[in-house]
Structure formats: C-alpha cells, structure tokens
PDB file of N, CA and C in Angstrom:
ATOM      1  N   MET A   1       0.850  -1.179   0.000  1.00  0.00           N
ATOM      2  CA  MET A   1       0.000   0.000   0.000  1.00  0.00           C
ATOM      3  C   MET A   1       0.891   1.236   0.000  1.00  0.00           C
ATOM      4  N   ALA A   2       0.593   2.188  -0.844  1.00  0.00           N
ATOM      5  CA  ALA A   2       1.375   3.418  -0.941  1.00  0.00           C
ATOM      6  C   ALA A   2       1.092   4.313   0.261  1.00  0.00           C
ATOM      7  N   ASN A   3       2.077   5.119   0.610  1.00  0.00           N
ATOM      8  CA  ASN A   3       1.905   6.063   1.708  1.00  0.00           C
ATOM      9  C   ASN A   3       0.941   7.165   1.292  1.00  0.00           C
ATOM     10  N   PRO A   4      -0.050   7.446   2.115  1.00  0.00           N
ATOM     11  CA  PRO A   4      -0.972   8.529   1.781  1.00  0.00           C
ATOM     12  C   PRO A   4      -0.256   9.881   1.868  1.00  0.00           C
ATOM     13  N   SER A   5      -0.723  10.820   1.081  1.00  0.00           N
ATOM     14  CA  SER A   5      -0.125  12.151   1.067  1.00  0.00           C
ATOM     15  C   SER A   5      -0.362  12.844   2.404  1.00  0.00           C
ATOM     16  N   SER A   6       0.631  13.583   2.850  1.00  0.00           N
ATOM     17  CA  SER A   6       0.472  14.344   4.087  1.00  0.00           C
ATOM     18  C   SER A   6      -0.096  15.733   3.814  1.00  0.00           C
ATOM     19  N   ASP A   7      -0.310  16.048   2.543  1.00  0.00           N
ATOM     20  CA  ASP A   7      -0.884  17.337   2.160  1.00  0.00           C
ATOM     21  C   ASP A   7      -2.390  17.302   2.411  1.00  0.00           C
ATOM     22  N   PRO A   8      -2.913  18.159   3.302  1.00  0.00           N
ATOM     23  CA  PRO A   8      -4.349  18.126   3.595  1.00  0.00           C
ATOM     24  C   PRO A   8      -5.217  18.552   2.405  1.00  0.00           C
ATOM     25  N   LEU A   9      -4.612  19.184   1.407  1.00  0.00           N
ATOM     26  CA  LEU A   9      -5.360  19.603   0.225  1.00  0.00           C
ATOM     27  C   LEU A   9      -5.270  18.590  -0.916  1.00  0.00           C
ATOM     28  N   HIS A  10      -4.562  17.505  -0.687  1.00  0.00           N
ATOM     29  CA  HIS A  10      -4.397  16.493  -1.727  1.00  0.00           C
ATOM     30  C   HIS A  10      -5.770  15.980  -2.181  1.00  0.00           C
ATOM     31  N   GLY A  11      -6.025  16.050  -3.480  1.00  0.00           N
ATOM     32  CA  GLY A  11      -7.265  15.544  -4.034  1.00  0.00           C
ATOM     33  C   GLY A  11      -8.410  16.545  -4.030  1.00  0.00           C
ATOM     34  N   ILE A  12      -8.200  17.730  -3.482  1.00  0.00           N
ATOM     35  CA  ILE A  12      -9.245  18.749  -3.452  1.00  0.00           C
ATOM     36  C   ILE A  12      -8.940  19.777  -4.530  1.00  0.00           C
ATOM     37  N   THR A  13      -9.835  19.917  -5.480  1.00  0.00           N
ATOM     38  CA  THR A  13      -9.616  20.873  -6.556  1.00  0.00           C
ATOM     39  C   THR A  13      -9.881  22.292  -6.057  1.00  0.00           C
ATOM     40  N   LEU A  14      -9.292  23.240  -6.745  1.00  0.00           N
ATOM     41  CA  LEU A  14      -9.516  24.645  -6.408  1.00  0.00           C
ATOM     42  C   LEU A  14     -10.997  24.994  -6.571  1.00  0.00           C
ATOM     43  N   GLU A  15     -11.630  24.440  -7.587  1.00  0.00           N
ATOM     44  CA  GLU A  15     -13.057  24.704  -7.800  1.00  0.00           C
ATOM     45  C   GLU A  15     -13.898  24.175  -6.645  1.00  0.00           C
ATOM     46  N   ARG A  16     -13.605  22.981  -6.190  1.00  0.00           N
ATOM     47  CA  ARG A  16     -14.347  22.414  -5.052  1.00  0.00           C
ATOM     48  C   ARG A  16     -14.146  23.260  -3.800  1.00  0.00           C
ATOM     49  N   MET A  17     -12.899  23.646  -3.563  1.00  0.00           N
ATOM     50  CA  MET A  17     -12.564  24.456  -2.399  1.00  0.00           C
ATOM     51  C   MET A  17     -13.351  25.772  -2.421  1.00  0.00           C
ATOM     52  N   LEU A  18     -13.317  26.451  -3.561  1.00  0.00           N
ATOM     53  CA  LEU A  18     -13.994  27.732  -3.696  1.00  0.00           C
ATOM     54  C   LEU A  18     -15.507  27.576  -3.568  1.00  0.00           C
ATOM     55  N   THR A  19     -16.052  26.560  -4.193  1.00  0.00           N
ATOM     56  CA  THR A  19     -17.495  26.314  -4.128  1.00  0.00           C
ATOM     57  C   THR A  19     -17.937  26.065  -2.689  1.00  0.00           C
ATOM     58  N   GLU A  20     -17.192  25.262  -1.956  1.00  0.00           N
ATOM     59  CA  GLU A  20     -17.538  24.981  -0.557  1.00  0.00           C
ATOM     60  C   GLU A  20     -17.462  26.244   0.293  1.00  0.00           C
ATOM     61  N   LEU A  21     -16.438  27.055   0.065  1.00  0.00           N
ATOM     62  CA  LEU A  21     -16.306  28.294   0.843  1.00  0.00           C
ATOM     63  C   LEU A  21     -17.453  29.255   0.555  1.00  0.00           C
ATOM     64  N   VAL A  22     -17.829  29.373  -0.701  1.00  0.00           N
ATOM     65  CA  VAL A  22     -18.933  30.267  -1.067  1.00  0.00           C
ATOM     66  C   VAL A  22     -20.246  29.754  -0.478  1.00  0.00           C
ATOM     67  N   GLU A  23     -20.475  28.449  -0.543  1.00  0.00           N
ATOM     68  CA  GLU A  23     -21.700  27.883   0.022  1.00  0.00           C
ATOM     69  C   GLU A  23     -21.757  28.095   1.531  1.00  0.00           C
ATOM     70  N   ARG A  24     -20.629  27.989   2.180  1.00  0.00           N
ATOM     71  CA  ARG A  24     -20.597  28.086   3.639  1.00  0.00           C
ATOM     72  C   ARG A  24     -20.616  29.529   4.139  1.00  0.00           C
ATOM     73  N   HIS A  25     -19.877  30.415   3.445  1.00  0.00           N
ATOM     74  CA  HIS A  25     -19.697  31.765   3.953  1.00  0.00           C
ATOM     75  C   HIS A  25     -20.300  32.851   3.069  1.00  0.00           C
ATOM     76  N   GLY A  26     -20.501  32.576   1.814  1.00  0.00           N
ATOM     77  CA  GLY A  26     -21.000  33.585   0.889  1.00  0.00           C
ATOM     78  C   GLY A  26     -19.860  34.449   0.348  1.00  0.00           C
ATOM     79  N   TRP A  27     -20.140  35.119  -0.753  1.00  0.00           N
ATOM     80  CA  TRP A  27     -19.113  35.942  -1.400  1.00  0.00           C
ATOM     81  C   TRP A  27     -18.683  37.113  -0.523  1.00  0.00           C
ATOM     82  N   GLU A  28     -19.641  37.718   0.197  1.00  0.00           N
ATOM     83  CA  GLU A  28     -19.300  38.892   1.004  1.00  0.00           C
ATOM     84  C   GLU A  28     -18.273  38.552   2.079  1.00  0.00           C
ATOM     85  N   ARG A  29     -18.505  37.494   2.803  1.00  0.00           N
ATOM     86  CA  ARG A  29     -17.558  37.070   3.856  1.00  0.00           C
ATOM     87  C   ARG A  29     -16.218  36.666   3.237  1.00  0.00           C
ATOM     88  N   LEU A  30     -16.267  35.958   2.129  1.00  0.00           N
ATOM     89  CA  LEU A  30     -15.039  35.546   1.458  1.00  0.00           C
ATOM     90  C   LEU A  30     -14.246  36.769   1.006  1.00  0.00           C
ATOM     91  N   GLY A  31     -14.936  37.788   0.513  1.00  0.00           N
ATOM     92  CA  GLY A  31     -14.282  39.035   0.116  1.00  0.00           C
ATOM     93  C   GLY A  31     -13.712  39.798   1.289  1.00  0.00           C
ATOM     94  N   ASP A  32     -14.301  39.638   2.475  1.00  0.00           N
ATOM     95  CA  ASP A  32     -13.756  40.278   3.681  1.00  0.00           C
ATOM     96  C   ASP A  32     -12.484  39.580   4.145  1.00  0.00           C
ATOM     97  N   VAL A  33     -12.490  38.254   4.078  1.00  0.00           N
ATOM     98  CA  VAL A  33     -11.348  37.474   4.552  1.00  0.00           C
ATOM     99  C   VAL A  33     -10.181  37.541   3.571  1.00  0.00           C
ATOM    100  N   VAL A  34     -10.473  37.380   2.289  1.00  0.00           N
ATOM    101  CA  VAL A  34      -9.450  37.434   1.246  1.00  0.00           C
ATOM    102  C   VAL A  34      -9.773  38.666   0.395  1.00  0.00           C
ATOM    103  N   ASN A  35      -9.045  39.726   0.612  1.00  0.00           N
ATOM    104  CA  ASN A  35      -9.339  41.024   0.019  1.00  0.00           C
ATOM    105  C   ASN A  35      -8.891  41.094  -1.444  1.00  0.00           C
ATOM    106  N   ILE A  36      -9.721  40.510  -2.319  1.00  0.00           N
ATOM    107  CA  ILE A  36      -9.452  40.599  -3.758  1.00  0.00           C
ATOM    108  C   ILE A  36     -10.752  40.970  -4.464  1.00  0.00           C
ATOM    109  N   ARG A  37     -10.615  41.751  -5.516  1.00  0.00           N
ATOM    110  CA  ARG A  37     -11.773  42.303  -6.226  1.00  0.00           C
ATOM    111  C   ARG A  37     -12.698  41.232  -6.808  1.00  0.00           C
ATOM    112  N   CYS A  38     -12.150  40.120  -7.268  1.00  0.00           N
ATOM    113  CA  CYS A  38     -13.015  39.116  -7.902  1.00  0.00           C
ATOM    114  C   CYS A  38     -13.986  38.493  -6.904  1.00  0.00           C
ATOM    115  N   PHE A  39     -13.773  38.675  -5.606  1.00  0.00           N
ATOM    116  CA  PHE A  39     -14.717  38.216  -4.594  1.00  0.00           C
ATOM    117  C   PHE A  39     -15.679  39.335  -4.190  1.00  0.00           C
ATOM    118  N   GLN A  40     -15.340  40.568  -4.492  1.00  0.00           N
ATOM    119  CA  GLN A  40     -16.107  41.706  -3.998  1.00  0.00           C
ATOM    120  C   GLN A  40     -16.992  42.366  -5.050  1.00  0.00           C
ATOM    121  N   ILE A  41     -16.575  42.354  -6.303  1.00  0.00           N
ATOM    122  CA  ILE A  41     -17.320  43.033  -7.364  1.00  0.00           C
ATOM    123  C   ILE A  41     -17.751  42.005  -8.407  1.00  0.00           C
ATOM    124  N   ASP A  42     -19.055  41.794  -8.519  1.00  0.00           N
ATOM    125  CA  ASP A  42     -19.645  40.851  -9.470  1.00  0.00           C
ATOM    126  C   ASP A  42     -18.940  39.488  -9.447  1.00  0.00           C
ATOM    127  N   PRO A  43     -18.915  38.832  -8.280  1.00  0.00           N
ATOM    128  CA  PRO A  43     -18.174  37.568  -8.152  1.00  0.00           C
ATOM    129  C   PRO A  43     -18.833  36.413  -8.896  1.00  0.00           C
ATOM    130  N   SER A  44     -17.995  35.522  -9.381  1.00  0.00           N
ATOM    131  CA  SER A  44     -18.464  34.268  -9.965  1.00  0.00           C
ATOM    132  C   SER A  44     -17.367  33.228  -9.773  1.00  0.00           C
ATOM    133  N   ILE A  45     -17.759  31.982  -9.793  1.00  0.00           N
ATOM    134  CA  ILE A  45     -16.787  30.897  -9.650  1.00  0.00           C
ATOM    135  C   ILE A  45     -15.792  30.961 -10.807  1.00  0.00           C
ATOM    136  N   LYS A  46     -16.288  31.128 -12.017  1.00  0.00           N
ATOM    137  CA  LYS A  46     -15.423  31.108 -13.196  1.00  0.00           C
ATOM    138  C   LYS A  46     -14.369  32.213 -13.151  1.00  0.00           C
ATOM    139  N   SER A  47     -14.776  33.456 -12.894  1.00  0.00           N
ATOM    140  CA  SER A  47     -13.796  34.552 -12.879  1.00  0.00           C
ATOM    141  C   SER A  47     -12.826  34.411 -11.714  1.00  0.00           C
ATOM    142  N   SER A  48     -13.324  33.921 -10.587  1.00  0.00           N
ATOM    143  CA  SER A  48     -12.454  33.736  -9.421  1.00  0.00           C
ATOM    144  C   SER A  48     -11.420  32.648  -9.666  1.00  0.00           C
ATOM    145  N   LEU A  49     -11.841  31.549 -10.297  1.00  0.00           N
ATOM    146  CA  LEU A  49     -10.898  30.477 -10.605  1.00  0.00           C
ATOM    147  C   LEU A  49      -9.807  30.967 -11.552  1.00  0.00           C
ATOM    148  N   THR A  50     -10.188  31.737 -12.555  1.00  0.00           N
ATOM    149  CA  THR A  50      -9.206  32.284 -13.496  1.00  0.00           C
ATOM    150  C   THR A  50      -8.181  33.126 -12.757  1.00  0.00           C
ATOM    151  N   PHE A  51      -8.655  34.014 -11.887  1.00  0.00           N
ATOM    152  CA  PHE A  51      -7.747  34.878 -11.134  1.00  0.00           C
ATOM    153  C   PHE A  51      -6.859  34.069 -10.190  1.00  0.00           C
ATOM    154  N   LEU A  52      -7.449  33.160  -9.447  1.00  0.00           N
ATOM    155  CA  LEU A  52      -6.689  32.396  -8.452  1.00  0.00           C
ATOM    156  C   LEU A  52      -5.632  31.501  -9.099  1.00  0.00           C
ATOM    157  N   ARG A  53      -5.918  30.986 -10.273  1.00  0.00           N
ATOM    158  CA  ARG A  53      -4.938  30.137 -10.966  1.00  0.00           C
ATOM    159  C   ARG A  53      -3.741  30.946 -11.456  1.00  0.00           C
ATOM    160  N   ARG A  54      -3.931  32.228 -11.668  1.00  0.00           N
ATOM    161  CA  ARG A  54      -2.854  33.087 -12.171  1.00  0.00           C
ATOM    162  C   ARG A  54      -2.162  33.894 -11.074  1.00  0.00           C
ATOM    163  N   THR A  55      -2.685  33.838  -9.851  1.00  0.00           N
ATOM    164  CA  THR A  55      -2.184  34.686  -8.780  1.00  0.00           C
ATOM    165  C   THR A  55      -1.861  33.835  -7.551  1.00  0.00           C
ATOM    166  N   PRO A  56      -0.612  33.387  -7.447  1.00  0.00           N
ATOM    167  CA  PRO A  56      -0.238  32.461  -6.371  1.00  0.00           C
ATOM    168  C   PRO A  56      -0.520  32.967  -4.954  1.00  0.00           C
ATOM    169  N   TRP A  57      -0.290  34.244  -4.679  1.00  0.00           N
ATOM    170  CA  TRP A  57      -0.508  34.745  -3.310  1.00  0.00           C
ATOM    171  C   TRP A  57      -1.985  34.681  -2.940  1.00  0.00           C
ATOM    172  N   ALA A  58      -2.875  34.982  -3.892  1.00  0.00           N
ATOM    173  CA  ALA A  58      -4.310  34.945  -3.615  1.00  0.00           C
ATOM    174  C   ALA A  58      -4.775  33.499  -3.415  1.00  0.00           C
ATOM    175  N   ARG A  59      -4.267  32.600  -4.242  1.00  0.00           N
ATOM    176  CA  ARG A  59      -4.614  31.184  -4.089  1.00  0.00           C
ATOM    177  C   ARG A  59      -4.149  30.674  -2.725  1.00  0.00           C
ATOM    178  N   ALA A  60      -2.968  31.077  -2.305  1.00  0.00           N
ATOM    179  CA  ALA A  60      -2.453  30.657  -1.004  1.00  0.00           C
ATOM    180  C   ALA A  60      -3.351  31.148   0.129  1.00  0.00           C
ATOM    181  N   GLU A  61      -3.875  32.363   0.015  1.00  0.00           N
ATOM    182  CA  GLU A  61      -4.781  32.888   1.042  1.00  0.00           C
ATOM    183  C   GLU A  61      -6.090  32.105   1.088  1.00  0.00           C
ATOM    184  N   VAL A  62      -6.625  31.775  -0.083  1.00  0.00           N
ATOM    185  CA  VAL A  62      -7.865  30.991  -0.144  1.00  0.00           C
ATOM    186  C   VAL A  62      -7.630  29.598   0.436  1.00  0.00           C
ATOM    187  N   GLU A  63      -6.507  28.979   0.089  1.00  0.00           N
ATOM    188  CA  GLU A  63      -6.192  27.652   0.625  1.00  0.00           C
ATOM    189  C   GLU A  63      -6.029  27.699   2.138  1.00  0.00           C
ATOM    190  N   ALA A  64      -5.373  28.731   2.648  1.00  0.00           N
ATOM    191  CA  ALA A  64      -5.187  28.860   4.096  1.00  0.00           C
ATOM    192  C   ALA A  64      -6.541  29.028   4.800  1.00  0.00           C
ATOM    193  N   PHE A  65      -7.423  29.837   4.233  1.00  0.00           N
ATOM    194  CA  PHE A  65      -8.757  30.026   4.798  1.00  0.00           C
ATOM    195  C   PHE A  65      -9.528  28.703   4.789  1.00  0.00           C
ATOM    196  N   TYR A  66      -9.444  27.969   3.699  1.00  0.00           N
ATOM    197  CA  TYR A  66     -10.112  26.675   3.583  1.00  0.00           C
ATOM    198  C   TYR A  66      -9.593  25.717   4.663  1.00  0.00           C
ATOM    199  N   LEU A  67      -8.296  25.672   4.839  1.00  0.00           N
ATOM    200  CA  LEU A  67      -7.712  24.779   5.842  1.00  0.00           C
ATOM    201  C   LEU A  67      -8.152  25.154   7.253  1.00  0.00           C
ATOM    202  N   ARG A  68      -8.288  26.445   7.526  1.00  0.00           N
ATOM    203  CA  ARG A  68      -8.757  26.868   8.849  1.00  0.00           C
ATOM    204  C   ARG A  68     -10.186  26.384   9.087  1.00  0.00           C
ATOM    205  N   GLN A  69     -10.974  26.248   8.038  1.00  0.00           N
ATOM    206  CA  GLN A  69     -12.358  25.794   8.167  1.00  0.00           C
ATOM    207  C   GLN A  69     -12.426  24.298   8.459  1.00  0.00           C
ATOM    208  N   LEU A  70     -11.388  23.568   8.133  1.00  0.00           N
ATOM    209  CA  LEU A  70     -11.379  22.126   8.369  1.00  0.00           C
ATOM    210  C   LEU A  70     -11.122  21.774   9.828  1.00  0.00           C
ATOM    211  N   ARG A  71     -10.591  22.684  10.571  1.00  0.00           N
ATOM    212  CA  ARG A  71     -10.259  22.415  11.982  1.00  0.00           C
ATOM    213  C   ARG A  71     -11.445  22.495  12.875  1.00  0.00           C
TER     214      ARG A  71
END
C-alpha cells in the first residue's frame, strides 16, 4: 500500500474548495477574509478560478482560509 499524502489539500480541486467556501460563507464574507476584487465586485466561480490560478498569493490565502475551516 502506498503512503498517503500528508498534504491536507491532496485531491481537493480549487473549484471544489472555492465552491464549498462560497456555500458556507458567501461571497461577502469571502471578500472580507481574502481582500481581492473578484470576490467583492460581481463575483463568480469562473472569474475567481481564473484569477486564483494566475495569482499564487491569492490562491495561497484561499487555501489557508479553507484549511482553517477544516479544523
């Protein structure tokens, strides 16, 4: 049996992560926690995914927020 990954985000797509956060907290709260325009002005999953895939610091903030929700 292979060793399981120690990465808590292993197997979780960015889209799934973002969708769960929006369902749980809504765009307004997400925009307060992660201060980026794509969460604050006319937010959508598609535009947010495009931005997060191109912006490592923003993706890292979203991932950190997601991980805090798992605790």
